[in-house]
Protein backbone atom coordinates (compact mmCIF):
# COMPACT_ATOMS: atom_id res chain seq x y z
CA MET A 1 0.00 0.00 0.00
CA SER A 2 2.27 2.74 -1.25
CA ALA A 3 1.24 6.32 -0.63
CA PRO A 4 0.12 7.06 -4.22
CA LEU A 5 -2.29 4.12 -4.07
CA VAL A 6 -3.39 4.31 -0.43
CA PRO A 7 -2.66 7.58 1.45
CA ASN A 8 -2.69 5.91 4.87
CA LEU A 9 -4.19 3.03 6.78
CA PHE A 10 -6.61 5.27 8.68
CA ASN A 11 -8.41 6.29 5.48
CA VAL A 12 -8.80 2.67 4.42
CA CYS A 13 -10.17 1.71 7.84
CA GLU A 14 -12.53 4.70 7.75
CA VAL A 15 -14.05 3.43 4.51
CA LEU A 16 -14.39 -0.01 6.15
CA THR A 17 -16.08 1.57 9.18
CA LEU A 18 -18.55 3.45 7.03
CA ALA A 19 -19.32 0.25 5.14
CA ILE A 20 -19.99 -1.51 8.45
CA VAL A 21 -22.28 1.34 9.50
CA TRP A 22 -24.14 1.03 6.21
CA ILE A 23 -24.56 -2.75 6.67
CA VAL A 24 -25.83 -2.26 10.22
CA ASP A 25 -28.31 0.29 8.94
CA GLN A 26 -29.58 -2.15 6.33
CA ILE A 27 -29.96 -4.89 8.95
CA LEU A 28 -31.88 -2.56 11.27
CA TYR A 29 -34.03 -1.40 8.39
CA GLY A 30 -34.88 -5.02 7.60
CA LEU A 31 -35.89 -5.55 11.23
CA ALA A 32 -38.06 -2.42 11.26
CA SER A 33 -41.06 -4.35 12.49
CA VAL A 34 -39.11 -5.47 15.57
CA ILE A 35 -36.53 -2.71 16.14
CA PRO A 36 -37.06 0.92 15.10
CA PRO A 37 -34.39 1.53 12.43
CA LEU A 38 -31.79 4.28 12.56
CA THR A 39 -32.69 5.76 9.19
CA GLY A 40 -30.33 7.80 7.09
CA LEU A 41 -27.10 5.90 7.72
CA ALA A 42 -27.18 4.45 4.22
CA GLN A 43 -26.73 7.98 2.89
CA TRP A 44 -23.48 8.49 4.83
CA PHE A 45 -21.44 8.38 1.64
CA ASP A 46 -23.35 11.36 0.26
CA PRO A 47 -21.59 14.57 1.44
CA ALA A 48 -24.84 16.53 1.15
CA TYR A 49 -26.35 14.53 3.99
CA ARG A 50 -23.23 14.37 6.18
CA ASP A 51 -24.15 17.26 8.48
CA ARG A 52 -27.61 15.92 9.05
CA LEU A 53 -26.36 12.41 9.64
CA LEU A 54 -24.05 13.59 12.41
CA LEU A 55 -27.14 14.13 14.52
CA THR A 56 -27.97 10.41 14.60
CA PRO A 57 -26.55 8.44 17.53
CA LEU A 58 -24.76 5.73 15.56
CA ALA A 59 -23.28 8.09 12.97
CA ALA A 60 -21.78 10.53 15.45
CA GLU A 61 -18.33 11.67 14.35
CA PRO A 62 -16.48 10.71 17.58
CA LEU A 63 -17.92 7.20 17.40
CA ILE A 64 -16.83 6.79 13.79
CA ILE A 65 -13.31 7.97 14.67
CA VAL A 66 -13.04 5.61 17.66
CA ILE A 67 -14.24 2.61 15.63
CA THR A 68 -11.84 3.52 12.82
CA TRP A 69 -8.88 3.71 15.19
CA LEU A 70 -9.84 0.38 16.77
CA ILE A 71 -9.97 -1.27 13.34
CA ALA A 72 -6.62 0.27 12.33
CA VAL A 73 -4.94 -0.90 15.53
CA THR A 74 -6.46 -4.36 15.10
CA VAL A 75 -5.11 -4.58 11.55
CA ILE A 76 -1.59 -3.66 12.72
CA VAL A 77 -1.73 -6.08 15.67
CA ILE A 78 -2.92 -8.95 13.48
CA TRP A 79 -0.31 -8.10 10.84
CA ALA A 80 2.51 -7.91 13.40
CA THR A 81 1.55 -10.86 15.60
CA LEU A 82 -0.47 -13.33 13.59
CA PHE A 83 1.69 -13.15 10.48
CA ASN A 84 5.13 -11.70 11.19
CA LEU A 85 5.53 -13.09 14.71
CA LEU A 86 4.64 -16.65 13.70
CA THR A 87 6.77 -16.36 10.57
CA MET A 88 9.83 -15.09 12.44
CA MET A 89 9.49 -17.81 15.08
CA TRP A 90 9.35 -20.37 12.28
CA VAL A 91 12.35 -18.79 10.50
CA GLU A 92 14.49 -18.90 13.63
CA ARG A 93 13.62 -22.49 14.49
CA LYS A 94 14.32 -23.70 10.95
CA PHE A 95 17.44 -21.58 10.56
CA TYR A 96 19.21 -22.70 13.73
CA SER A 97 18.21 -26.28 12.94
CA ARG A 98 20.08 -25.97 9.66
CA LEU A 99 23.04 -24.45 11.51
CA GLN A 100 23.03 -27.56 13.71
CA ASP A 101 22.69 -29.86 10.69
CA ARG A 102 19.18 -31.13 11.44
CA TYR A 103 15.71 -30.67 10.01
CA GLY A 104 14.00 -29.05 12.97
CA ILE A 105 10.23 -28.73 13.26
CA MET A 106 8.32 -30.60 10.54
CA ILE A 107 4.64 -30.69 11.60
CA SER A 108 2.34 -29.38 8.89
CA ILE A 109 -1.31 -29.23 7.96
CA TRP A 110 -1.01 -32.71 6.48
CA SER A 111 -0.23 -34.04 9.97
CA LEU A 112 -3.70 -33.23 11.29
CA PRO A 113 -5.69 -36.36 12.22
CA PHE A 114 -8.85 -35.69 10.19
CA TRP A 115 -7.27 -36.39 6.79
CA PRO A 116 -8.51 -39.72 5.38
CA PHE A 117 -5.05 -40.76 4.19
CA ASN A 118 -3.45 -40.48 7.64
CA ARG A 119 -2.57 -43.91 8.94
CA THR A 120 -0.77 -45.09 12.08
CA ARG A 121 2.18 -46.56 10.24
CA ARG A 122 2.43 -43.82 7.60
CA PRO A 123 4.54 -40.79 8.60
CA THR A 124 2.81 -37.50 7.86
CA HIS A 125 5.28 -35.10 9.49
CA ARG A 126 6.79 -34.07 6.19
CA GLY A 127 5.73 -30.46 6.05
CA THR A 128 7.61 -27.24 6.63
CA GLY A 129 6.80 -27.00 10.34
CA TYR A 130 4.88 -23.71 10.26
CA LEU A 131 2.00 -25.12 12.29
CA GLN A 132 4.35 -26.10 15.13
CA ASN A 133 4.18 -22.56 16.57
CA ILE A 134 0.38 -22.73 16.63
CA ALA A 135 0.56 -26.15 18.28
CA ASP A 136 2.91 -24.79 20.95
CA GLY A 137 0.53 -21.90 21.57
CA VAL A 138 -2.42 -24.27 22.02
CA LYS A 139 -0.31 -26.37 24.39
CA LEU A 140 0.60 -23.35 26.51
CA LEU A 141 -3.05 -22.25 26.64
CA GLN A 142 -3.95 -25.62 28.15
CA LYS A 143 -1.33 -25.41 30.90
CA GLU A 144 -2.06 -24.04 34.35
CA ASN A 145 -0.99 -20.51 35.25
CA ILE A 146 0.71 -20.81 38.63
CA THR A 147 1.37 -17.86 40.95
CA PRO A 148 4.06 -18.34 43.63
CA ARG A 149 2.68 -18.40 47.15
CA ASN A 150 4.75 -15.50 48.52
CA ALA A 151 4.81 -13.44 45.33
CA ASP A 152 3.39 -9.97 44.94
CA SER A 153 0.39 -11.17 42.97
CA ALA A 154 -0.65 -7.83 41.48
CA MET A 155 2.81 -6.93 40.18
CA PHE A 156 3.44 -10.51 39.08
CA HIS A 157 0.35 -10.39 36.86
CA ILE A 158 0.82 -6.81 35.64
CA SER A 159 4.37 -7.34 34.38
CA PRO A 160 3.53 -9.52 31.31
CA VAL A 161 0.78 -7.08 30.38
CA LEU A 162 3.22 -4.15 30.61
CA ILE A 163 5.77 -5.96 28.45
CA ALA A 164 3.17 -6.94 25.85
CA SER A 165 1.42 -3.56 25.72
CA SER A 166 4.68 -1.60 25.47
CA THR A 167 5.78 -3.82 22.59
CA LEU A 168 2.51 -3.27 20.73
CA MET A 169 2.86 0.49 21.31
CA ILE A 170 6.00 0.37 19.17
CA PHE A 171 3.95 -0.67 16.14
CA ALA A 172 1.61 2.30 16.58
CA ALA A 173 4.34 4.63 15.31
CA LEU A 174 6.26 2.12 13.17
CA PRO A 175 5.40 2.46 9.46
CA TRP A 176 5.60 -0.57 7.18
CA SER A 177 5.44 1.52 4.01
CA SER A 178 4.62 5.05 2.94
CA GLY A 179 0.91 4.29 3.44
CA PHE A 180 0.77 1.35 5.88
CA TYR A 181 0.94 2.89 9.34
CA VAL A 182 -1.38 3.77 12.20
CA ALA A 183 -0.11 7.22 13.18
CA ASN A 184 2.29 9.61 11.46
CA LEU A 185 4.06 11.26 14.40
CA ASP A 186 6.62 14.03 14.01
CA LEU A 187 8.48 12.50 16.98
CA GLY A 188 7.78 8.91 15.97
CA ILE A 189 11.33 7.66 16.64
CA LEU A 190 11.22 9.21 20.11
CA PHE A 191 7.85 7.54 20.76
CA ILE A 192 9.28 4.16 19.68
CA PHE A 193 12.24 4.53 22.06
CA ALA A 194 9.87 5.50 24.86
CA ALA A 195 7.88 2.31 24.24
CA PHE A 196 11.10 0.28 24.16
CA SER A 197 12.11 1.74 27.53
CA LEU A 198 8.97 0.46 29.28
CA ALA A 199 9.89 -3.22 28.87
CA PRO A 200 12.94 -3.08 31.22
CA LEU A 201 10.62 -1.71 33.91
CA GLY A 202 8.28 -4.67 33.41
CA ILE A 203 11.22 -7.09 33.52
CA LEU A 204 12.49 -5.58 36.78
CA ILE A 205 9.00 -5.72 38.30
CA SER A 206 8.55 -9.37 37.31
CA GLY A 207 11.97 -10.31 38.70
CA TRP A 208 11.22 -8.67 42.05
CA SER A 209 7.56 -9.66 42.42
CA ALA A 210 8.16 -13.41 41.99
CA ASN A 211 10.02 -13.55 45.34
CA ASN A 212 12.69 -15.81 43.87
CA LYS A 213 16.41 -15.19 44.07
CA TYR A 214 16.97 -16.31 40.49
CA THR A 215 14.28 -14.03 39.07
CA LEU A 216 15.52 -11.14 41.20
CA VAL A 217 19.10 -11.50 39.93
CA GLY A 218 17.81 -11.80 36.37
CA GLY A 219 15.66 -8.68 36.72
CA LEU A 220 18.53 -6.65 38.18
CA ARG A 221 20.86 -7.86 35.44
CA ALA A 222 18.30 -6.86 32.79
CA ALA A 223 17.85 -3.39 34.30
CA ALA A 224 21.60 -2.77 34.46
CA MET A 225 22.24 -4.09 30.96
CA LEU A 226 19.35 -2.37 29.21
CA MET A 227 20.22 0.96 30.82
CA ALA A 228 23.83 0.63 29.64
CA TYR A 229 22.81 -0.07 26.04
CA ALA A 230 19.91 2.38 25.73
CA ILE A 231 22.28 5.35 26.03
CA PRO A 232 24.42 4.57 22.93
CA MET A 233 21.24 3.91 20.93
CA ILE A 234 19.93 7.38 21.74
CA LEU A 235 23.30 8.96 20.95
CA CYS A 236 23.37 7.25 17.54
CA VAL A 237 19.93 8.67 16.76
CA ILE A 238 21.15 12.13 17.80
CA ALA A 239 23.93 11.74 15.23
CA LEU A 240 21.34 10.93 12.55
CA VAL A 241 19.43 14.10 13.42
CA PHE A 242 22.34 16.07 11.95
CA TYR A 243 21.54 14.49 8.58
CA THR A 244 17.76 14.27 8.73
CA GLY A 245 16.72 17.17 10.95
CA SER A 246 13.68 15.09 11.89
CA LEU A 247 12.53 12.25 14.11
CA ASN A 248 9.68 11.31 11.78
CA PRO A 249 10.21 7.78 10.33
CA LEU A 250 8.54 8.73 7.03
CA THR A 251 10.83 11.75 6.62
CA ILE A 252 13.95 9.71 7.44
CA VAL A 253 13.07 7.09 4.81
CA ARG A 254 12.14 9.73 2.25
CA GLN A 255 15.58 11.32 2.56
CA GLN A 256 17.24 7.97 1.77
CA GLU A 257 15.32 7.37 -1.46
CA ARG A 258 17.68 9.44 -3.61
CA THR A 259 20.67 7.94 -5.47
CA LEU A 260 24.08 8.53 -3.92
CA VAL A 261 26.37 7.35 -6.74
CA SER A 262 25.53 5.95 -10.17
CA LEU A 263 27.83 3.23 -11.46
CA GLY A 264 26.49 2.76 -14.96
CA PRO A 265 23.08 1.07 -14.74
CA ILE A 266 23.59 0.38 -11.03
CA GLY A 267 22.93 3.13 -8.53
CA ILE A 268 24.02 3.09 -4.90
CA PRO A 269 21.18 4.50 -2.77
CA ALA A 270 21.80 7.19 -0.19
CA TRP A 271 21.14 4.89 2.73
CA TYR A 272 22.80 6.01 5.92
CA ILE A 273 24.71 2.74 6.17
CA PHE A 274 26.71 4.01 3.15
CA SER A 275 27.31 7.36 4.83
CA PRO A 276 29.91 8.28 7.48
CA GLN A 277 27.33 6.89 9.93
CA ILE A 278 28.33 3.28 9.29
CA LEU A 279 29.94 3.33 12.75
CA GLY A 280 26.59 4.43 14.16
CA PHE A 281 24.92 1.55 12.33
CA ILE A 282 27.26 -0.95 14.01
CA VAL A 283 26.84 0.58 17.47
CA PHE A 284 23.07 0.83 17.07
CA SER A 285 22.77 -2.79 15.88
CA VAL A 286 24.85 -4.16 18.77
CA SER A 287 22.86 -2.10 21.27
CA MET A 288 19.60 -3.31 19.74
CA MET A 289 20.71 -6.93 20.17
CA ALA A 290 21.28 -6.20 23.85
CA GLU A 291 17.85 -4.54 24.13
CA MET A 292 16.31 -7.70 22.69
CA GLU A 293 18.28 -9.86 25.19
CA ARG A 294 19.63 -12.13 22.51
CA VAL A 295 22.86 -14.13 22.78
CA PRO A 296 25.55 -13.01 23.56
CA PHE A 297 23.54 -10.49 25.62
CA ASP A 298 20.96 -12.82 27.20
CA ILE A 299 22.69 -12.85 30.59
CA PRO A 300 19.37 -11.95 32.37
CA GLU A 301 18.09 -15.39 31.30
CA ALA A 302 21.29 -17.45 31.58
CA GLU A 303 19.93 -20.99 31.90
CA GLY A 304 23.15 -22.40 33.36
CA GLU A 305 23.16 -20.09 36.38
CA LEU A 306 19.69 -18.54 36.67
CA VAL A 307 17.43 -21.42 35.49
CA GLU A 308 15.49 -19.11 33.15
CA GLY A 309 16.19 -15.74 34.71
CA TRP A 310 13.32 -13.36 35.33
CA THR A 311 10.85 -15.69 33.54
CA THR A 312 11.50 -18.66 35.87
CA GLU A 313 8.23 -18.46 37.82
CA TYR A 314 5.96 -17.86 34.84
CA SER A 315 4.01 -20.81 33.50
CA GLY A 316 1.39 -21.51 30.89
CA MET A 317 0.46 -18.79 28.46
CA ARG A 318 2.00 -16.10 30.65
CA PHE A 319 5.38 -17.61 29.88
CA GLY A 320 4.38 -17.87 26.23
CA LEU A 321 3.39 -14.21 26.25
CA VAL A 322 6.66 -12.85 27.62
CA PHE A 323 8.70 -15.29 25.53
CA GLY A 324 6.79 -14.71 22.30
CA PHE A 325 7.02 -10.95 22.59
CA LYS A 326 10.82 -11.25 22.56
CA TRP A 327 10.49 -12.23 18.90
CA LEU A 328 8.10 -9.36 18.34
CA ARG A 329 10.62 -6.95 19.85
CA MET A 330 13.25 -8.40 17.53
CA ILE A 331 10.99 -7.62 14.57
CA ALA A 332 10.47 -4.09 15.88
CA GLY A 333 14.21 -3.62 16.42
CA ALA A 334 15.06 -4.91 12.94
CA ALA A 335 12.38 -2.63 11.47
CA LEU A 336 13.85 0.36 13.30
CA ILE A 337 17.34 -0.43 11.98
CA THR A 338 15.86 -0.74 8.49
CA ILE A 339 14.16 2.66 8.74
CA LEU A 340 17.17 4.49 10.17
CA TYR A 341 20.02 2.99 8.14
CA LEU A 342 18.75 0.74 5.32
CA GLY A 343 16.36 3.00 3.46
CA GLY A 344 13.15 1.62 4.92
CA TRP A 345 10.79 0.37 2.22
CA SER A 346 12.70 1.95 -0.66
CA GLY A 347 13.91 -0.51 -3.27
CA PRO A 348 14.46 -0.88 -6.99
CA VAL A 349 11.37 -0.17 -9.08
CA PHE A 350 11.55 -2.71 -11.89
CA THR A 351 8.41 -1.44 -13.56
CA THR A 352 5.39 0.67 -12.69
CA LEU A 353 1.78 -0.12 -13.40
CA TYR A 354 -0.83 2.60 -13.74
CA VAL A 355 -4.19 1.87 -12.15
CA GLY A 356 -6.62 4.66 -12.94
CA GLY A 357 -3.74 6.99 -13.62
CA VAL A 358 -2.14 6.24 -10.24
CA PRO A 359 1.44 4.85 -10.40
CA VAL A 360 1.72 1.54 -8.56
CA PRO A 361 5.10 -0.27 -8.25
CA ILE A 362 4.86 -3.90 -9.27
CA VAL A 363 6.82 -4.89 -6.15
CA PRO A 364 4.95 -3.46 -3.11
CA GLU A 365 6.83 -1.32 -0.63
CA GLU A 366 5.83 -3.73 2.13
CA ALA A 367 7.67 -6.52 0.30
CA TRP A 368 10.96 -4.56 0.26
CA PHE A 369 10.52 -3.56 3.89
CA LEU A 370 9.79 -7.12 5.05
CA LEU A 371 12.73 -8.44 3.03
CA LYS A 372 15.13 -6.08 4.80
CA VAL A 373 13.57 -6.72 8.22
CA TYR A 374 13.82 -10.48 7.79
CA LEU A 375 17.42 -10.27 6.58
CA VAL A 376 18.42 -8.18 9.61
CA SER A 377 16.58 -10.61 11.90
CA VAL A 378 18.34 -13.59 10.30
CA VAL A 379 21.70 -11.91 10.97
CA PHE A 380 20.69 -11.51 14.63
CA ILE A 381 19.70 -15.19 14.77
CA TRP A 382 22.93 -16.22 13.08
CA ILE A 383 25.01 -14.32 15.64
CA SER A 384 22.93 -15.63 18.54
CA TRP A 385 23.50 -19.26 17.60
CA SER A 386 27.18 -18.82 16.70
CA VAL A 387 28.83 -16.97 19.60
CA PRO A 388 28.97 -17.77 23.34
CA ARG A 389 27.29 -15.81 26.09
CA VAL A 390 29.47 -13.20 27.82
CA ARG A 391 29.63 -12.43 31.54
CA ILE A 392 27.67 -9.63 33.15
CA ASP A 393 30.82 -7.59 33.85
CA GLN A 394 31.89 -7.95 30.22
CA ILE A 395 28.45 -6.86 29.05
CA LEU A 396 28.56 -3.70 31.16
CA ASN A 397 32.12 -2.93 30.05
CA ILE A 398 31.10 -3.22 26.41
CA GLY A 399 28.15 -0.89 26.95
CA TRP A 400 29.70 1.78 29.15
CA ARG A 401 33.35 1.74 28.09
CA LYS A 402 33.09 0.86 24.39
CA LEU A 403 29.76 1.67 22.82
CA ILE A 404 29.12 5.00 24.54
CA PRO A 405 32.49 6.48 23.41
CA TYR A 406 31.87 5.13 19.90
CA SER A 407 28.37 6.63 19.84
CA LEU A 408 29.79 9.99 20.93
CA ALA A 409 32.25 9.66 18.07
CA THR A 410 29.35 9.20 15.64
CA ILE A 411 28.02 12.62 16.71
CA LEU A 412 31.39 14.24 16.04
CA ILE A 413 31.66 12.45 12.69
CA ALA A 414 28.16 13.58 11.70
CA ALA A 415 28.84 17.20 12.65
CA GLY A 416 32.19 17.18 10.87
CA SER A 417 30.86 15.56 7.68
CA ILE A 418 28.05 18.10 7.44
CA ALA A 419 30.36 21.04 8.15
CA TRP A 420 32.94 19.91 5.57
CA GLY A 421 30.35 18.93 2.97
CA VAL A 422 31.31 15.26 2.93
CA TRP A 423 27.65 14.21 2.97
CA ALA A 424 24.86 16.32 1.55
CA VAL A 425 21.78 16.64 3.75
CA GLY A 426 18.76 15.00 2.15
């Protein structure tokens, strides 16, 4: 849904809301003998009747706006969780299985028992394994949610909700293309970082409220580590402000859509990874891996010494919630790296179709964006399953003594490159 075809997701959802209102009006009109109908809603699409229709209870403007926002948020949540979350979980499980020279999960739709050709002696687990994540979710839903006897029950239950809600808040300001987004915020990057910063609070609360020494140590480790790595991330974004002059994700991507250098038929795009900010890209990516608590930075959940860290006391779907949203945060982190340094949804336009005079690229912007996000995520997975976990003191030394000086250097490099004309501001 590129901007020339669909201006934004809200407009699409508004049309859907008005269609729902029209259908409800037709249903009520058909039940006129039982329920007095709310007449006039079918004329909502006619601008001449709009002012008069605002007087009816169901067609009130605030109600339409609220329903539209709810539909838009639901679309983003379903897109992020039902599709991308399950897909990324499947990608990781298959990818690290190949790294370990094994097949990995194989259950598929053909393994379900209601097929007539399924027999006891005939193996049917020959699929791709995508349904295994759904099977694990059903299994966790059936398990009992246990609360420790001496735990702070309220905080213990609130923590997973805080982690999940803060993660979903990220996608409210995270655009997937020039037209597929919920809200276009001028300070969208700042809003995303604010949502990212709420999860460490939820992790610390869950580690303390469980009344377990392992969860407490894991929560304190997470708070110390995430604080150390959030600072260089912010400093790297400050360096990018010298180039962009904006914290709006759409503006940042738009400034990277121009061509930097043309080498015959091949053009190198003006992505910030090809700018003097390549050091910022490295620092930001390492810090984002720490924010996602992935190996080698998963010391808050070190199984060998802390059982499972701050998630030890969670069971059932509460464990599935906090564990599954780690993948969702990885998707959000990879998407943020893509927007800031990899040109977002910009990609080669092989050809352009014209639908009603509107230019439509044959490869959707969402496809380019997802391709970059998945590639960044696969690199994170590759690193996580290839390097050992580091100690907590080493993690803090890397954050405070290495990455923060490097991130400060990115600010000096950005200021110097702009002052000397090494990189033209988009």
